[in-house]
């Protein structure tokens, strides 16, 4: 159960590092993010960044079927 202003994202440590390096989005190494910091002004940016670091690379996907 989650209680409080932090939400567990389920992101891997590598994805958390990518968010920090590429998008300057910071969270705990285990993927907990402060929902208090999400606003109507930054939610689209956050959603796009999450999409970028969680999408499957098409080249990687193709290599799985070769």
N, C-alpha and C. Protein backbone atom coordinates (compact mmCIF):
# COMPACT_ATOMS: atom_id res chain seq x y z
N UNK A 1 0.84 -1.17 0.00
CA UNK A 1 0.00 0.00 0.00
C UNK A 1 0.89 1.24 0.00
N UNK A 2 0.48 2.24 -0.77
CA UNK A 2 1.20 3.50 -0.84
C UNK A 2 0.44 4.56 -0.05
N UNK A 3 1.17 5.24 0.81
CA UNK A 3 0.57 6.30 1.62
C UNK A 3 1.48 7.51 1.54
N UNK A 4 0.92 8.69 1.39
CA UNK A 4 1.72 9.90 1.36
C UNK A 4 1.87 10.47 -0.02
N UNK A 5 2.83 11.38 -0.15
CA UNK A 5 2.97 12.11 -1.41
C UNK A 5 3.90 11.42 -2.41
N UNK A 6 4.53 10.30 -2.03
CA UNK A 6 5.40 9.59 -2.95
C UNK A 6 4.67 8.42 -3.59
N UNK A 7 4.96 8.19 -4.85
CA UNK A 7 4.34 7.11 -5.62
C UNK A 7 5.45 6.23 -6.18
N UNK A 8 5.30 4.92 -6.06
CA UNK A 8 6.28 4.01 -6.63
C UNK A 8 5.99 3.86 -8.11
N UNK A 9 6.97 4.19 -8.94
CA UNK A 9 6.78 4.21 -10.39
C UNK A 9 7.00 2.86 -11.05
N UNK A 10 7.79 2.00 -10.43
CA UNK A 10 8.13 0.73 -11.06
C UNK A 10 9.27 0.84 -12.06
N UNK A 11 9.89 2.01 -12.15
CA UNK A 11 11.01 2.19 -13.07
C UNK A 11 12.25 1.47 -12.56
N UNK A 12 13.08 1.05 -13.50
CA UNK A 12 14.34 0.42 -13.14
C UNK A 12 15.35 1.50 -12.75
N UNK A 13 16.42 1.13 -12.04
CA UNK A 13 17.46 2.12 -11.72
C UNK A 13 18.04 2.79 -12.97
N UNK A 14 18.17 2.05 -14.07
CA UNK A 14 18.68 2.64 -15.31
C UNK A 14 17.70 3.68 -15.86
N UNK A 15 16.42 3.38 -15.81
CA UNK A 15 15.42 4.33 -16.29
C UNK A 15 15.42 5.60 -15.42
N UNK A 16 15.58 5.43 -14.11
CA UNK A 16 15.66 6.58 -13.21
C UNK A 16 16.86 7.45 -13.58
N UNK A 17 18.00 6.82 -13.88
CA UNK A 17 19.20 7.56 -14.27
C UNK A 17 18.98 8.30 -15.59
N UNK A 18 18.28 7.65 -16.54
CA UNK A 18 17.99 8.30 -17.82
C UNK A 18 17.11 9.53 -17.62
N UNK A 19 16.11 9.42 -16.76
CA UNK A 19 15.24 10.57 -16.50
C UNK A 19 16.04 11.74 -15.94
N UNK A 20 16.98 11.43 -15.06
CA UNK A 20 17.80 12.48 -14.46
C UNK A 20 18.72 13.11 -15.50
N UNK A 21 19.41 12.26 -16.26
CA UNK A 21 20.42 12.75 -17.20
C UNK A 21 19.79 13.45 -18.41
N UNK A 22 18.76 12.86 -18.98
CA UNK A 22 18.19 13.38 -20.22
C UNK A 22 17.13 14.46 -20.00
N UNK A 23 16.39 14.36 -18.89
CA UNK A 23 15.24 15.24 -18.71
C UNK A 23 15.28 16.07 -17.42
N UNK A 24 16.30 15.85 -16.60
CA UNK A 24 16.43 16.57 -15.32
C UNK A 24 15.21 16.36 -14.43
N UNK A 25 14.72 15.12 -14.44
CA UNK A 25 13.64 14.70 -13.55
C UNK A 25 14.27 13.83 -12.49
N UNK A 26 14.05 14.17 -11.24
CA UNK A 26 14.74 13.50 -10.14
C UNK A 26 13.75 12.74 -9.27
N UNK A 27 14.18 11.55 -8.85
CA UNK A 27 13.40 10.72 -7.94
C UNK A 27 14.37 9.83 -7.19
N UNK A 28 13.86 9.07 -6.25
CA UNK A 28 14.73 8.18 -5.49
C UNK A 28 15.23 7.06 -6.41
N UNK A 29 16.39 6.47 -6.10
CA UNK A 29 16.94 5.42 -6.96
C UNK A 29 16.01 4.22 -7.16
N UNK A 30 15.10 3.97 -6.21
CA UNK A 30 14.18 2.84 -6.37
C UNK A 30 12.92 3.23 -7.15
N UNK A 31 12.88 4.45 -7.68
CA UNK A 31 11.79 4.84 -8.56
C UNK A 31 10.62 5.55 -7.90
N UNK A 32 10.76 5.94 -6.64
CA UNK A 32 9.66 6.68 -6.00
C UNK A 32 9.73 8.14 -6.43
N UNK A 33 8.58 8.67 -6.82
CA UNK A 33 8.50 10.06 -7.27
C UNK A 33 7.53 10.83 -6.39
N UNK A 34 7.87 12.07 -6.11
CA UNK A 34 7.00 12.93 -5.30
C UNK A 34 5.88 13.47 -6.17
N UNK A 35 4.67 13.04 -5.89
CA UNK A 35 3.52 13.51 -6.66
C UNK A 35 3.20 14.96 -6.34
N UNK A 36 3.69 15.46 -5.22
CA UNK A 36 3.47 16.86 -4.87
C UNK A 36 4.17 17.79 -5.85
N UNK A 37 5.18 17.28 -6.55
CA UNK A 37 5.91 18.09 -7.52
C UNK A 37 5.31 18.06 -8.91
N UNK A 38 4.28 17.25 -9.12
CA UNK A 38 3.64 17.16 -10.44
C UNK A 38 2.51 18.19 -10.49
N UNK A 39 2.60 19.07 -11.48
CA UNK A 39 1.60 20.13 -11.62
C UNK A 39 1.01 20.12 -13.02
N UNK A 40 -0.02 20.92 -13.23
CA UNK A 40 -0.60 21.03 -14.57
C UNK A 40 0.40 21.63 -15.55
N UNK A 41 1.38 22.34 -15.03
CA UNK A 41 2.39 22.96 -15.89
C UNK A 41 3.47 21.99 -16.36
N UNK A 42 3.70 20.90 -15.60
CA UNK A 42 4.80 20.00 -15.97
C UNK A 42 4.36 18.56 -16.24
N UNK A 43 3.08 18.27 -16.13
CA UNK A 43 2.64 16.89 -16.29
C UNK A 43 2.87 16.36 -17.71
N UNK A 44 2.70 17.20 -18.73
CA UNK A 44 2.94 16.75 -20.10
C UNK A 44 4.42 16.44 -20.32
N UNK A 45 5.30 17.27 -19.78
CA UNK A 45 6.74 17.04 -19.88
C UNK A 45 7.10 15.73 -19.19
N UNK A 46 6.55 15.51 -18.00
CA UNK A 46 6.81 14.28 -17.25
C UNK A 46 6.32 13.06 -18.02
N UNK A 47 5.11 13.14 -18.56
CA UNK A 47 4.55 12.01 -19.30
C UNK A 47 5.40 11.68 -20.52
N UNK A 48 5.84 12.69 -21.25
CA UNK A 48 6.69 12.46 -22.42
C UNK A 48 8.02 11.82 -22.01
N UNK A 49 8.62 12.32 -20.94
CA UNK A 49 9.89 11.77 -20.48
C UNK A 49 9.73 10.31 -20.05
N UNK A 50 8.67 10.02 -19.32
CA UNK A 50 8.41 8.63 -18.91
C UNK A 50 8.23 7.74 -20.13
N UNK A 51 7.52 8.24 -21.13
CA UNK A 51 7.33 7.46 -22.36
C UNK A 51 8.68 7.19 -23.04
N UNK A 52 9.51 8.21 -23.12
CA UNK A 52 10.81 8.06 -23.78
C UNK A 52 11.69 7.01 -23.12
N UNK A 53 11.71 6.97 -21.79
CA UNK A 53 12.61 6.03 -21.11
C UNK A 53 12.01 4.64 -20.94
N UNK A 54 10.71 4.49 -21.17
CA UNK A 54 10.10 3.18 -20.99
C UNK A 54 9.73 2.49 -22.30
N UNK A 55 9.75 3.21 -23.40
CA UNK A 55 9.37 2.57 -24.67
C UNK A 55 10.44 1.56 -25.07
N UNK A 56 10.00 0.57 -25.80
CA UNK A 56 10.91 -0.46 -26.28
C UNK A 56 11.59 0.05 -27.55
N UNK A 57 12.89 -0.02 -27.57
CA UNK A 57 13.65 0.37 -28.74
C UNK A 57 13.32 -0.60 -29.87
N UNK A 58 12.88 -0.08 -31.02
CA UNK A 58 12.47 -0.93 -32.13
C UNK A 58 13.59 -1.85 -32.60
N UNK A 59 14.82 -1.37 -32.63
CA UNK A 59 15.94 -2.19 -33.06
C UNK A 59 16.15 -3.35 -32.09
N UNK A 60 16.04 -3.09 -30.81
CA UNK A 60 16.18 -4.14 -29.80
C UNK A 60 15.07 -5.16 -29.97
N UNK A 61 13.86 -4.68 -30.22
CA UNK A 61 12.72 -5.57 -30.40
C UNK A 61 12.92 -6.46 -31.62
N UNK A 62 13.39 -5.89 -32.73
CA UNK A 62 13.63 -6.69 -33.94
C UNK A 62 14.68 -7.76 -33.69
N UNK A 63 15.71 -7.45 -32.92
CA UNK A 63 16.77 -8.41 -32.67
C UNK A 63 16.28 -9.61 -31.87
N UNK A 64 15.19 -9.44 -31.15
CA UNK A 64 14.63 -10.55 -30.38
C UNK A 64 14.01 -11.61 -31.28
N UNK A 65 13.64 -11.21 -32.50
CA UNK A 65 12.95 -12.13 -33.40
C UNK A 65 13.83 -12.64 -34.52
N UNK A 66 15.11 -12.33 -34.48
CA UNK A 66 16.02 -12.80 -35.54
C UNK A 66 16.54 -14.16 -35.18
